[in-house]
Amino acid sequence: MLTRNFTEEERRDRGSGTPVLSLEETNNALATMTPEEATKAVVLLAIYLQSWDEESTRNPGEFVLRAWKGYKFNILNELQAEGMIFQKKGMQSVLLNPKALKAAESLKTVVFQHVGGEP
């Protein structure tokens, strides 16, 4: 299972907006995306933006990043295959892992620099 236990520092820094890639590198990556890849990136960003920290039911005292899953199943399945999220049949939410967190932070920085600020 891809349950991710975030450290206190990671939880504190979650909203810092520090990109993993430089803005130029992220812009270049976005410019070369196919429409399908761009859609997947936007869904990942949406999942990240509406996510929350939650105490793990398996390991009390540890936290996971959870989000509701209300997106196209094929996109969610692709994100899981890439190791970005974990979803289980019957769950109404997904868990994000650090890879997803870093990718979403980079994308958030680029998107919101163009629309005038943080969400």
PDB file of N, CA and C in Angstrom:
ATOM      1  N   MET A   1       0.844  -1.180   0.000  1.00  0.00           N
ATOM      2  CA  MET A   1       0.000   0.000   0.000  1.00  0.00           C
ATOM      3  C   MET A   1       0.883   1.234   0.000  1.00  0.00           C
ATOM      4  N   LEU A   2       0.491   2.269  -0.729  1.00  0.00           N
ATOM      5  CA  LEU A   2       1.300   3.470  -0.853  1.00  0.00           C
ATOM      6  C   LEU A   2       0.989   4.506   0.217  1.00  0.00           C
ATOM      7  N   THR A   3       0.492   4.088   1.351  1.00  0.00           N
ATOM      8  CA  THR A   3       0.223   5.029   2.422  1.00  0.00           C
ATOM      9  C   THR A   3       1.504   5.778   2.739  1.00  0.00           C
ATOM     10  N   ARG A   4       1.407   7.079   2.822  1.00  0.00           N
ATOM     11  CA  ARG A   4       2.585   7.904   3.060  1.00  0.00           C
ATOM     12  C   ARG A   4       2.436   8.562   4.419  1.00  0.00           C
ATOM     13  N   ASN A   5       3.395   8.360   5.256  1.00  0.00           N
ATOM     14  CA  ASN A   5       3.395   8.984   6.567  1.00  0.00           C
ATOM     15  C   ASN A   5       4.275  10.226   6.498  1.00  0.00           C
ATOM     16  N   PHE A   6       3.654  11.387   6.482  1.00  0.00           N
ATOM     17  CA  PHE A   6       4.369  12.642   6.364  1.00  0.00           C
ATOM     18  C   PHE A   6       4.993  13.022   7.701  1.00  0.00           C
ATOM     19  N   THR A   7       6.213  13.512   7.636  1.00  0.00           N
ATOM     20  CA  THR A   7       6.863  13.981   8.850  1.00  0.00           C
ATOM     21  C   THR A   7       6.234  15.307   9.255  1.00  0.00           C
ATOM     22  N   GLU A   8       6.471  15.713  10.480  1.00  0.00           N
ATOM     23  CA  GLU A   8       5.948  16.994  10.954  1.00  0.00           C
ATOM     24  C   GLU A   8       6.463  18.130  10.072  1.00  0.00           C
ATOM     25  N   GLU A   9       7.725  18.067   9.673  1.00  0.00           N
ATOM     26  CA  GLU A   9       8.311  19.109   8.817  1.00  0.00           C
ATOM     27  C   GLU A   9       7.634  19.148   7.450  1.00  0.00           C
ATOM     28  N   GLU A  10       7.380  17.985   6.844  1.00  0.00           N
ATOM     29  CA  GLU A  10       6.709  17.936   5.547  1.00  0.00           C
ATOM     30  C   GLU A  10       5.294  18.498   5.660  1.00  0.00           C
ATOM     31  N   ARG A  11       4.602  18.178   6.740  1.00  0.00           N
ATOM     32  CA  ARG A  11       3.249  18.706   6.920  1.00  0.00           C
ATOM     33  C   ARG A  11       3.284  20.215   7.100  1.00  0.00           C
ATOM     34  N   ARG A  12       4.276  20.720   7.821  1.00  0.00           N
ATOM     35  CA  ARG A  12       4.415  22.156   8.039  1.00  0.00           C
ATOM     36  C   ARG A  12       4.751  22.875   6.735  1.00  0.00           C
ATOM     37  N   ASP A  13       5.615  22.265   5.910  1.00  0.00           N
ATOM     38  CA  ASP A  13       6.085  22.891   4.675  1.00  0.00           C
ATOM     39  C   ASP A  13       5.147  22.671   3.495  1.00  0.00           C
ATOM     40  N   ARG A  14       4.091  21.904   3.677  1.00  0.00           N
ATOM     41  CA  ARG A  14       3.218  21.519   2.572  1.00  0.00           C
ATOM     42  C   ARG A  14       2.750  22.710   1.752  1.00  0.00           C
ATOM     43  N   GLY A  15       2.387  23.793   2.369  1.00  0.00           N
ATOM     44  CA  GLY A  15       1.874  24.936   1.630  1.00  0.00           C
ATOM     45  C   GLY A  15       2.915  25.976   1.286  1.00  0.00           C
ATOM     46  N   SER A  16       4.194  25.628   1.387  1.00  0.00           N
ATOM     47  CA  SER A  16       5.237  26.622   1.189  1.00  0.00           C
ATOM     48  C   SER A  16       5.367  27.087  -0.251  1.00  0.00           C
ATOM     49  N   GLY A  17       4.893  26.295  -1.206  1.00  0.00           N
ATOM     50  CA  GLY A  17       4.970  26.689  -2.600  1.00  0.00           C
ATOM     51  C   GLY A  17       6.352  26.518  -3.197  1.00  0.00           C
ATOM     52  N   THR A  18       7.255  25.849  -2.509  1.00  0.00           N
ATOM     53  CA  THR A  18       8.591  25.638  -3.037  1.00  0.00           C
ATOM     54  C   THR A  18       8.528  24.634  -4.168  1.00  0.00           C
ATOM     55  N   PRO A  19       8.850  25.072  -5.408  1.00  0.00           N
ATOM     56  CA  PRO A  19       8.740  24.140  -6.522  1.00  0.00           C
ATOM     57  C   PRO A  19       9.856  23.121  -6.526  1.00  0.00           C
ATOM     58  N   VAL A  20       9.572  21.940  -7.038  1.00  0.00           N
ATOM     59  CA  VAL A  20      10.574  20.905  -7.192  1.00  0.00           C
ATOM     60  C   VAL A  20      11.448  21.249  -8.385  1.00  0.00           C
ATOM     61  N   LEU A  21      10.818  21.714  -9.475  1.00  0.00           N
ATOM     62  CA  LEU A  21      11.528  22.163 -10.658  1.00  0.00           C
ATOM     63  C   LEU A  21      11.532  23.682 -10.664  1.00  0.00           C
ATOM     64  N   SER A  22      12.443  24.277 -11.402  1.00  0.00           N
ATOM     65  CA  SER A  22      12.393  25.727 -11.561  1.00  0.00           C
ATOM     66  C   SER A  22      11.141  26.065 -12.355  1.00  0.00           C
ATOM     67  N   LEU A  23      10.700  27.303 -12.300  1.00  0.00           N
ATOM     68  CA  LEU A  23       9.518  27.696 -13.058  1.00  0.00           C
ATOM     69  C   LEU A  23       9.738  27.492 -14.553  1.00  0.00           C
ATOM     70  N   GLU A  24      10.928  27.782 -15.038  1.00  0.00           N
ATOM     71  CA  GLU A  24      11.226  27.599 -16.460  1.00  0.00           C
ATOM     72  C   GLU A  24      11.144  26.120 -16.843  1.00  0.00           C
ATOM     73  N   GLU A  25      11.708  25.249 -16.005  1.00  0.00           N
ATOM     74  CA  GLU A  25      11.652  23.811 -16.289  1.00  0.00           C
ATOM     75  C   GLU A  25      10.213  23.301 -16.285  1.00  0.00           C
ATOM     76  N   THR A  26       9.419  23.771 -15.328  1.00  0.00           N
ATOM     77  CA  THR A  26       8.021  23.337 -15.250  1.00  0.00           C
ATOM     78  C   THR A  26       7.235  23.873 -16.433  1.00  0.00           C
ATOM     79  N   ASN A  27       7.457  25.141 -16.807  1.00  0.00           N
ATOM     80  CA  ASN A  27       6.787  25.707 -17.982  1.00  0.00           C
ATOM     81  C   ASN A  27       7.133  24.919 -19.236  1.00  0.00           C
ATOM     82  N   ASN A  28       8.407  24.572 -19.399  1.00  0.00           N
ATOM     83  CA  ASN A  28       8.833  23.793 -20.562  1.00  0.00           C
ATOM     84  C   ASN A  28       8.167  22.420 -20.575  1.00  0.00           C
ATOM     85  N   ALA A  29       8.081  21.799 -19.409  1.00  0.00           N
ATOM     86  CA  ALA A  29       7.436  20.482 -19.320  1.00  0.00           C
ATOM     87  C   ALA A  29       5.963  20.588 -19.696  1.00  0.00           C
ATOM     88  N   LEU A  30       5.287  21.626 -19.221  1.00  0.00           N
ATOM     89  CA  LEU A  30       3.872  21.805 -19.547  1.00  0.00           C
ATOM     90  C   LEU A  30       3.675  22.059 -21.035  1.00  0.00           C
ATOM     91  N   ALA A  31       4.589  22.812 -21.642  1.00  0.00           N
ATOM     92  CA  ALA A  31       4.465  23.159 -23.052  1.00  0.00           C
ATOM     93  C   ALA A  31       4.588  21.937 -23.962  1.00  0.00           C
ATOM     94  N   THR A  32       5.257  20.893 -23.490  1.00  0.00           N
ATOM     95  CA  THR A  32       5.465  19.711 -24.328  1.00  0.00           C
ATOM     96  C   THR A  32       4.449  18.604 -24.048  1.00  0.00           C
ATOM     97  N   MET A  33       3.500  18.853 -23.163  1.00  0.00           N
ATOM     98  CA  MET A  33       2.516  17.823 -22.811  1.00  0.00           C
ATOM     99  C   MET A  33       1.475  17.645 -23.906  1.00  0.00           C
ATOM    100  N   THR A  34       1.036  16.396 -24.059  1.00  0.00           N
ATOM    101  CA  THR A  34      -0.116  16.116 -24.921  1.00  0.00           C
ATOM    102  C   THR A  34      -1.365  16.560 -24.162  1.00  0.00           C
ATOM    103  N   PRO A  35      -2.490  16.706 -24.854  1.00  0.00           N
ATOM    104  CA  PRO A  35      -3.728  17.062 -24.137  1.00  0.00           C
ATOM    105  C   PRO A  35      -4.070  16.063 -23.025  1.00  0.00           C
ATOM    106  N   GLU A  36      -3.805  14.773 -23.257  1.00  0.00           N
ATOM    107  CA  GLU A  36      -4.090  13.761 -22.243  1.00  0.00           C
ATOM    108  C   GLU A  36      -3.189  13.934 -21.026  1.00  0.00           C
ATOM    109  N   GLU A  37      -1.907  14.218 -21.259  1.00  0.00           N
ATOM    110  CA  GLU A  37      -0.973  14.438 -20.145  1.00  0.00           C
ATOM    111  C   GLU A  37      -1.337  15.701 -19.375  1.00  0.00           C
ATOM    112  N   ALA A  38      -1.746  16.745 -20.087  1.00  0.00           N
ATOM    113  CA  ALA A  38      -2.139  17.995 -19.431  1.00  0.00           C
ATOM    114  C   ALA A  38      -3.380  17.776 -18.576  1.00  0.00           C
ATOM    115  N   THR A  39      -4.337  17.008 -19.093  1.00  0.00           N
ATOM    116  CA  THR A  39      -5.548  16.711 -18.321  1.00  0.00           C
ATOM    117  C   THR A  39      -5.187  15.969 -17.046  1.00  0.00           C
ATOM    118  N   LYS A  40      -4.296  14.991 -17.148  1.00  0.00           N
ATOM    119  CA  LYS A  40      -3.872  14.226 -15.979  1.00  0.00           C
ATOM    120  C   LYS A  40      -3.172  15.136 -14.968  1.00  0.00           C
ATOM    121  N   ALA A  41      -2.342  16.068 -15.457  1.00  0.00           N
ATOM    122  CA  ALA A  41      -1.648  16.994 -14.562  1.00  0.00           C
ATOM    123  C   ALA A  41      -2.637  17.897 -13.837  1.00  0.00           C
ATOM    124  N   VAL A  42      -3.646  18.366 -14.550  1.00  0.00           N
ATOM    125  CA  VAL A  42      -4.651  19.240 -13.928  1.00  0.00           C
ATOM    126  C   VAL A  42      -5.465  18.475 -12.894  1.00  0.00           C
ATOM    127  N   VAL A  43      -5.808  17.218 -13.179  1.00  0.00           N
ATOM    128  CA  VAL A  43      -6.536  16.398 -12.205  1.00  0.00           C
ATOM    129  C   VAL A  43      -5.680  16.189 -10.958  1.00  0.00           C
ATOM    130  N   LEU A  44      -4.385  15.908 -11.147  1.00  0.00           N
ATOM    131  CA  LEU A  44      -3.493  15.745  -9.998  1.00  0.00           C
ATOM    132  C   LEU A  44      -3.461  17.022  -9.168  1.00  0.00           C
ATOM    133  N   LEU A  45      -3.377  18.175  -9.831  1.00  0.00           N
ATOM    134  CA  LEU A  45      -3.376  19.446  -9.111  1.00  0.00           C
ATOM    135  C   LEU A  45      -4.683  19.640  -8.351  1.00  0.00           C
ATOM    136  N   ALA A  46      -5.814  19.320  -8.974  1.00  0.00           N
ATOM    137  CA  ALA A  46      -7.114  19.460  -8.305  1.00  0.00           C
ATOM    138  C   ALA A  46      -7.202  18.548  -7.082  1.00  0.00           C
ATOM    139  N   ILE A  47      -6.728  17.318  -7.230  1.00  0.00           N
ATOM    140  CA  ILE A  47      -6.729  16.390  -6.096  1.00  0.00           C
ATOM    141  C   ILE A  47      -5.892  16.968  -4.967  1.00  0.00           C
ATOM    142  N   TYR A  48      -4.714  17.466  -5.299  1.00  0.00           N
ATOM    143  CA  TYR A  48      -3.813  18.036  -4.293  1.00  0.00           C
ATOM    144  C   TYR A  48      -4.446  19.252  -3.604  1.00  0.00           C
ATOM    145  N   LEU A  49      -5.031  20.152  -4.383  1.00  0.00           N
ATOM    146  CA  LEU A  49      -5.569  21.389  -3.819  1.00  0.00           C
ATOM    147  C   LEU A  49      -6.725  21.149  -2.851  1.00  0.00           C
ATOM    148  N   GLN A  50      -7.464  20.069  -3.034  1.00  0.00           N
ATOM    149  CA  GLN A  50      -8.583  19.802  -2.125  1.00  0.00           C
ATOM    150  C   GLN A  50      -8.264  18.699  -1.124  1.00  0.00           C
ATOM    151  N   SER A  51      -6.985  18.408  -0.934  1.00  0.00           N
ATOM    152  CA  SER A  51      -6.587  17.338  -0.016  1.00  0.00           C
ATOM    153  C   SER A  51      -6.451  17.851   1.418  1.00  0.00           C
ATOM    154  N   TRP A  52      -6.366  16.912   2.340  1.00  0.00           N
ATOM    155  CA  TRP A  52      -6.197  17.244   3.754  1.00  0.00           C
ATOM    156  C   TRP A  52      -5.309  16.204   4.426  1.00  0.00           C
ATOM    157  N   ASP A  53      -4.663  16.618   5.525  1.00  0.00           N
ATOM    158  CA  ASP A  53      -3.897  15.693   6.363  1.00  0.00           C
ATOM    159  C   ASP A  53      -4.879  14.944   7.259  1.00  0.00           C
ATOM    160  N   GLU A  54      -4.641  13.665   7.416  1.00  0.00           N
ATOM    161  CA  GLU A  54      -5.519  12.856   8.255  1.00  0.00           C
ATOM    162  C   GLU A  54      -4.675  11.827   8.996  1.00  0.00           C
ATOM    163  N   GLU A  55      -5.022  11.580  10.229  1.00  0.00           N
ATOM    164  CA  GLU A  55      -4.295  10.570  10.991  1.00  0.00           C
ATOM    165  C   GLU A  55      -4.557   9.192  10.391  1.00  0.00           C
ATOM    166  N   SER A  56      -3.509   8.419  10.245  1.00  0.00           N
ATOM    167  CA  SER A  56      -3.605   7.076   9.673  1.00  0.00           C
ATOM    168  C   SER A  56      -4.422   6.171  10.586  1.00  0.00           C
ATOM    169  N   THR A  57      -5.329   5.406   9.989  1.00  0.00           N
ATOM    170  CA  THR A  57      -6.101   4.452  10.782  1.00  0.00           C
ATOM    171  C   THR A  57      -5.258   3.213  11.093  1.00  0.00           C
ATOM    172  N   ARG A  58      -4.277   2.938  10.245  1.00  0.00           N
ATOM    173  CA  ARG A  58      -3.397   1.782  10.465  1.00  0.00           C
ATOM    174  C   ARG A  58      -2.299   2.071  11.481  1.00  0.00           C
ATOM    175  N   ASN A  59      -1.809   3.322  11.493  1.00  0.00           N
ATOM    176  CA  ASN A  59      -0.705   3.710  12.373  1.00  0.00           C
ATOM    177  C   ASN A  59      -1.055   5.014  13.091  1.00  0.00           C
ATOM    178  N   PRO A  60      -1.830   4.955  14.162  1.00  0.00           N
ATOM    179  CA  PRO A  60      -2.192   6.178  14.886  1.00  0.00           C
ATOM    180  C   PRO A  60      -0.945   6.991  15.241  1.00  0.00           C
ATOM    181  N   GLY A  61      -1.074   8.305  15.086  1.00  0.00           N
ATOM    182  CA  GLY A  61       0.048   9.197  15.337  1.00  0.00           C
ATOM    183  C   GLY A  61       0.797   9.569  14.069  1.00  0.00           C
ATOM    184  N   GLU A  62       0.575   8.823  12.994  1.00  0.00           N
ATOM    185  CA  GLU A  62       1.164   9.141  11.696  1.00  0.00           C
ATOM    186  C   GLU A  62       0.074   9.723  10.806  1.00  0.00           C
ATOM    187  N   PHE A  63       0.492  10.541   9.837  1.00  0.00           N
ATOM    188  CA  PHE A  63      -0.477  11.229   8.996  1.00  0.00           C
ATOM    189  C   PHE A  63      -0.312  10.850   7.538  1.00  0.00           C
ATOM    190  N   VAL A  64      -1.433  10.855   6.813  1.00  0.00           N
ATOM    191  CA  VAL A  64      -1.459  10.629   5.377  1.00  0.00           C
ATOM    192  C   VAL A  64      -2.163  11.827   4.741  1.00  0.00           C
ATOM    193  N   LEU A  65      -1.923  12.034   3.463  1.00  0.00           N
ATOM    194  CA  LEU A  65      -2.586  13.091   2.717  1.00  0.00           C
ATOM    195  C   LEU A  65      -3.708  12.439   1.916  1.00  0.00           C
ATOM    196  N   ARG A  66      -4.945  12.835   2.185  1.00  0.00           N
ATOM    197  CA  ARG A  66      -6.118  12.184   1.593  1.00  0.00           C
ATOM    198  C   ARG A  66      -6.931  13.209   0.811  1.00  0.00           C
ATOM    199  N   ALA A  67      -7.613  12.743  -0.259  1.00  0.00           N
ATOM    200  CA  ALA A  67      -8.465  13.612  -1.072  1.00  0.00           C
ATOM    201  C   ALA A  67      -9.638  12.808  -1.612  1.00  0.00           C
ATOM    202  N   TRP A  68     -10.763  13.486  -1.838  1.00  0.00           N
ATOM    203  CA  TRP A  68     -11.920  12.821  -2.431  1.00  0.00           C
ATOM    204  C   TRP A  68     -11.604  12.469  -3.866  1.00  0.00           C
ATOM    205  N   LYS A  69     -12.159  11.352  -4.330  1.00  0.00           N
ATOM    206  CA  LYS A  69     -11.946  10.982  -5.725  1.00  0.00           C
ATOM    207  C   LYS A  69     -13.261  11.131  -6.486  1.00  0.00           C
ATOM    208  N   GLY A  70     -13.343  12.193  -7.240  1.00  0.00           N
ATOM    209  CA  GLY A  70     -14.523  12.463  -8.051  1.00  0.00           C
ATOM    210  C   GLY A  70     -14.097  12.803  -9.465  1.00  0.00           C
ATOM    211  N   TYR A  71     -13.137  12.064  -9.976  1.00  0.00           N
ATOM    212  CA  TYR A  71     -12.560  12.348 -11.289  1.00  0.00           C
ATOM    213  C   TYR A  71     -12.709  11.121 -12.169  1.00  0.00           C
ATOM    214  N   LYS A  72     -12.419  11.282 -13.455  1.00  0.00           N
ATOM    215  CA  LYS A  72     -12.545  10.168 -14.397  1.00  0.00           C
ATOM    216  C   LYS A  72     -11.708   8.983 -13.918  1.00  0.00           C
ATOM    217  N   PHE A  73     -12.328   7.811 -13.923  1.00  0.00           N
ATOM    218  CA  PHE A  73     -11.656   6.614 -13.421  1.00  0.00           C
ATOM    219  C   PHE A  73     -10.375   6.309 -14.167  1.00  0.00           C
ATOM    220  N   ASN A  74     -10.368   6.505 -15.489  1.00  0.00           N
ATOM    221  CA  ASN A  74      -9.158   6.178 -16.242  1.00  0.00           C
ATOM    222  C   ASN A  74      -7.989   7.060 -15.832  1.00  0.00           C
ATOM    223  N   ILE A  75      -8.251   8.316 -15.510  1.00  0.00           N
ATOM    224  CA  ILE A  75      -7.174   9.212 -15.069  1.00  0.00           C
ATOM    225  C   ILE A  75      -6.692   8.797 -13.679  1.00  0.00           C
ATOM    226  N   LEU A  76      -7.609   8.492 -12.783  1.00  0.00           N
ATOM    227  CA  LEU A  76      -7.217   8.030 -11.453  1.00  0.00           C
ATOM    228  C   LEU A  76      -6.410   6.740 -11.555  1.00  0.00           C
ATOM    229  N   ASN A  77      -6.821   5.838 -12.429  1.00  0.00           N
ATOM    230  CA  ASN A  77      -6.086   4.577 -12.605  1.00  0.00           C
ATOM    231  C   ASN A  77      -4.676   4.832 -13.128  1.00  0.00           C
ATOM    232  N   GLU A  78      -4.522   5.782 -14.066  1.00  0.00           N
ATOM    233  CA  GLU A  78      -3.197   6.115 -14.588  1.00  0.00           C
ATOM    234  C   GLU A  78      -2.320   6.733 -13.495  1.00  0.00           C
ATOM    235  N   LEU A  79      -2.906   7.624 -12.692  1.00  0.00           N
ATOM    236  CA  LEU A  79      -2.135   8.232 -11.601  1.00  0.00           C
ATOM    237  C   LEU A  79      -1.695   7.171 -10.597  1.00  0.00           C
ATOM    238  N   GLN A  80      -2.536   6.179 -10.351  1.00  0.00           N
ATOM    239  CA  GLN A  80      -2.143   5.097  -9.448  1.00  0.00           C
ATOM    240  C   GLN A  80      -1.031   4.258 -10.076  1.00  0.00           C
ATOM    241  N   ALA A  81      -1.156   3.962 -11.360  1.00  0.00           N
ATOM    242  CA  ALA A  81      -0.130   3.167 -12.048  1.00  0.00           C
ATOM    243  C   ALA A  81       1.226   3.873 -12.021  1.00  0.00           C
ATOM    244  N   GLU A  82       1.218   5.207 -12.018  1.00  0.00           N
ATOM    245  CA  GLU A  82       2.457   5.984 -11.962  1.00  0.00           C
ATOM    246  C   GLU A  82       2.971   6.162 -10.537  1.00  0.00           C
ATOM    247  N   GLY A  83       2.248   5.644  -9.553  1.00  0.00           N
ATOM    248  CA  GLY A  83       2.691   5.748  -8.175  1.00  0.00           C
ATOM    249  C   GLY A  83       2.416   7.096  -7.534  1.00  0.00           C
ATOM    250  N   MET A  84       1.502   7.869  -8.101  1.00  0.00           N
ATOM    251  CA  MET A  84       1.169   9.184  -7.551  1.00  0.00           C
ATOM    252  C   MET A  84       0.143   9.081  -6.424  1.00  0.00           C
ATOM    253  N   ILE A  85      -0.836   8.198  -6.603  1.00  0.00           N
ATOM    254  CA  ILE A  85      -1.913   8.068  -5.632  1.00  0.00           C
ATOM    255  C   ILE A  85      -2.134   6.589  -5.321  1.00  0.00           C
ATOM    256  N   PHE A  86      -2.869   6.339  -4.249  1.00  0.00           N
ATOM    257  CA  PHE A  86      -3.316   4.991  -3.920  1.00  0.00           C
ATOM    258  C   PHE A  86      -4.823   5.047  -3.786  1.00  0.00           C
ATOM    259  N   GLN A  87      -5.492   4.129  -4.452  1.00  0.00           N
ATOM    260  CA  GLN A  87      -6.943   4.007  -4.307  1.00  0.00           C
ATOM    261  C   GLN A  87      -7.284   2.535  -4.156  1.00  0.00           C
ATOM    262  N   LYS A  88      -8.322   2.284  -3.434  1.00  0.00           N
ATOM    263  CA  LYS A  88      -8.745   0.917  -3.166  1.00  0.00           C
ATOM    264  C   LYS A  88     -10.229   0.829  -3.501  1.00  0.00           C
ATOM    265  N   LYS A  89     -10.638  -0.295  -4.065  1.00  0.00           N
ATOM    266  CA  LYS A  89     -12.052  -0.470  -4.399  1.00  0.00           C
ATOM    267  C   LYS A  89     -12.898  -0.235  -3.155  1.00  0.00           C
ATOM    268  N   GLY A  90     -13.940   0.544  -3.335  1.00  0.00           N
ATOM    269  CA  GLY A  90     -14.834   0.841  -2.229  1.00  0.00           C
ATOM    270  C   GLY A  90     -14.474   2.114  -1.470  1.00  0.00           C
ATOM    271  N   MET A  91     -13.249   2.616  -1.669  1.00  0.00           N
ATOM    272  CA  MET A  91     -12.847   3.871  -1.015  1.00  0.00           C
ATOM    273  C   MET A  91     -13.422   5.050  -1.802  1.00  0.00           C
ATOM    274  N   GLN A  92     -13.861   6.073  -1.105  1.00  0.00           N
ATOM    275  CA  GLN A  92     -14.354   7.269  -1.770  1.00  0.00           C
ATOM    276  C   GLN A  92     -13.282   8.345  -1.827  1.00  0.00           C
ATOM    277  N   SER A  93     -12.094   7.999  -1.382  1.00  0.00           N
ATOM    278  CA  SER A  93     -10.999   8.957  -1.404  1.00  0.00           C
ATOM    279  C   SER A  93      -9.731   8.249  -1.853  1.00  0.00           C
ATOM    280  N   VAL A  94      -8.721   9.052  -2.163  1.00  0.00           N
ATOM    281  CA  VAL A  94      -7.419   8.527  -2.561  1.00  0.00           C
ATOM    282  C   VAL A  94      -6.371   9.054  -1.595  1.00  0.00           C
ATOM    283  N   LEU A  95      -5.229   8.383  -1.544  1.00  0.00           N
ATOM    284  CA  LEU A  95      -4.095   8.854  -0.756  1.00  0.00           C
ATOM    285  C   LEU A  95      -3.028   9.338  -1.725  1.00  0.00           C
ATOM    286  N   LEU A  96      -2.412  10.466  -1.429  1.00  0.00           N
ATOM    287  CA  LEU A  96      -1.339  11.005  -2.253  1.00  0.00           C
ATOM    288  C   LEU A  96      -0.007  10.628  -1.641  1.00  0.00           C
ATOM    289  N   ASN A  97       0.991  10.391  -2.480  1.00  0.00           N
ATOM    290  CA  ASN A  97       2.318  10.100  -1.951  1.00  0.00           C
ATOM    291  C   ASN A  97       3.246  11.273  -2.220  1.00  0.00           C
ATOM    292  N   PRO A  98       4.481  11.262  -1.722  1.00  0.00           N
ATOM    293  CA  PRO A  98       5.381  12.408  -1.886  1.00  0.00           C
ATOM    294  C   PRO A  98       5.650  12.775  -3.340  1.00  0.00           C
ATOM    295  N   LYS A  99       5.685  11.795  -4.238  1.00  0.00           N
ATOM    296  CA  LYS A  99       5.889  12.072  -5.659  1.00  0.00           C
ATOM    297  C   LYS A  99       4.761  12.971  -6.174  1.00  0.00           C
ATOM    298  N   ALA A 100       3.531  12.667  -5.789  1.00  0.00           N
ATOM    299  CA  ALA A 100       2.377  13.475  -6.194  1.00  0.00           C
ATOM    300  C   ALA A 100       2.454  14.859  -5.580  1.00  0.00           C
ATOM    301  N   LEU A 101       2.843  14.926  -4.329  1.00  0.00           N
ATOM    302  CA  LEU A 101       2.943  16.197  -3.628  1.00  0.00           C
ATOM    303  C   LEU A 101       3.921  17.120  -4.336  1.00  0.00           C
ATOM    304  N   LYS A 102       5.091  16.614  -4.703  1.00  0.00           N
ATOM    305  CA  LYS A 102       6.109  17.425  -5.381  1.00  0.00           C
ATOM    306  C   LYS A 102       5.647  17.854  -6.764  1.00  0.00           C
ATOM    307  N   ALA A 103       5.049  16.942  -7.522  1.00  0.00           N
ATOM    308  CA  ALA A 103       4.565  17.282  -8.869  1.00  0.00           C
ATOM    309  C   ALA A 103       3.465  18.334  -8.806  1.00  0.00           C
ATOM    310  N   ALA A 104       2.545  18.182  -7.864  1.00  0.00           N
ATOM    311  CA  ALA A 104       1.442  19.135  -7.728  1.00  0.00           C
ATOM    312  C   ALA A 104       1.942  20.498  -7.278  1.00  0.00           C
ATOM    313  N   GLU A 105       2.915  20.539  -6.370  1.00  0.00           N
ATOM    314  CA  GLU A 105       3.472  21.819  -5.931  1.00  0.00           C
ATOM    315  C   GLU A 105       4.116  22.569  -7.092  1.00  0.00           C
ATOM    316  N   SER A 106       4.858  21.864  -7.946  1.00  0.00           N
ATOM    317  CA  SER A 106       5.478  22.498  -9.110  1.00  0.00           C
ATOM    318  C   SER A 106       4.412  23.054 -10.046  1.00  0.00           C
ATOM    319  N   LEU A 107       3.394  22.255 -10.322  1.00  0.00           N
ATOM    320  CA  LEU A 107       2.331  22.689 -11.214  1.00  0.00           C
ATOM    321  C   LEU A 107       1.545  23.849 -10.608  1.00  0.00           C
ATOM    322  N   LYS A 108       1.270  23.788  -9.320  1.00  0.00           N
ATOM    323  CA  LYS A 108       0.533  24.865  -8.645  1.00  0.00           C
ATOM    324  C   LYS A 108       1.281  26.185  -8.773  1.00  0.00           C
ATOM    325  N   THR A 109       2.591  26.153  -8.607  1.00  0.00           N
ATOM    326  CA  THR A 109       3.395  27.359  -8.700  1.00  0.00           C
ATOM    327  C   THR A 109       3.260  27.986 -10.084  1.00  0.00           C
ATOM    328  N   VAL A 110       3.332  27.173 -11.117  1.00  0.00           N
ATOM    329  CA  VAL A 110       3.239  27.677 -12.483  1.00  0.00           C
ATOM    330  C   VAL A 110       1.836  28.207 -12.774  1.00  0.00           C
ATOM    331  N   VAL A 111       0.819  27.428 -12.440  1.00  0.00           N
ATOM    332  CA  VAL A 111      -0.558  27.830 -12.746  1.00  0.00           C
ATOM    333  C   VAL A 111      -0.923  29.124 -12.036  1.00  0.00           C
ATOM    334  N   PHE A 112      -0.619  29.219 -10.757  1.00  0.00           N
ATOM    335  CA  PHE A 112      -1.063  30.383 -10.014  1.00  0.00           C
ATOM    336  C   PHE A 112      -0.195  31.613 -10.209  1.00  0.00           C
ATOM    337  N   GLN A 113       0.998  31.458 -10.775  1.00  0.00           N
ATOM    338  CA  GLN A 113       1.772  32.647 -11.127  1.00  0.00           C
ATOM    339  C   GLN A 113       1.102  33.356 -12.302  1.00  0.00           C
ATOM    340  N   HIS A 114       0.397  32.593 -13.150  1.00  0.00           N
ATOM    341  CA  HIS A 114      -0.262  33.167 -14.321  1.00  0.00           C
ATOM    342  C   HIS A 114      -1.622  33.766 -13.994  1.00  0.00           C
ATOM    343  N   VAL A 115      -2.250  33.343 -12.925  1.00  0.00           N
ATOM    344  CA  VAL A 115      -3.579  33.857 -12.603  1.00  0.00           C
ATOM    345  C   VAL A 115      -3.573  34.824 -11.427  1.00  0.00           C
ATOM    346  N   GLY A 116      -2.397  35.164 -10.940  1.00  0.00           N
ATOM    347  CA  GLY A 116      -2.304  36.235  -9.963  1.00  0.00           C
ATOM    348  C   GLY A 116      -2.311  35.853  -8.507  1.00  0.00           C
ATOM    349  N   GLY A 117      -1.789  34.739  -8.124  1.00  0.00           N
ATOM    350  CA  GLY A 117      -1.650  34.455  -6.706  1.00  0.00           C
ATOM    351  C   GLY A 117      -2.002  33.041  -6.312  1.00  0.00           C
ATOM    352  N   GLU A 118      -1.846  32.761  -5.041  1.00  0.00           N
ATOM    353  CA  GLU A 118      -2.122  31.439  -4.470  1.00  0.00           C
ATOM    354  C   GLU A 118      -3.623  31.254  -4.295  1.00  0.00           C
ATOM    355  N   PRO A 119      -4.082  29.999  -4.320  1.00  0.00           N
ATOM    356  CA  PRO A 119      -5.512  29.723  -4.077  1.00  0.00           C
ATOM    357  C   PRO A 119      -5.862  29.969  -2.625  1.00  0.00           C
TER     358      PRO A 119
END
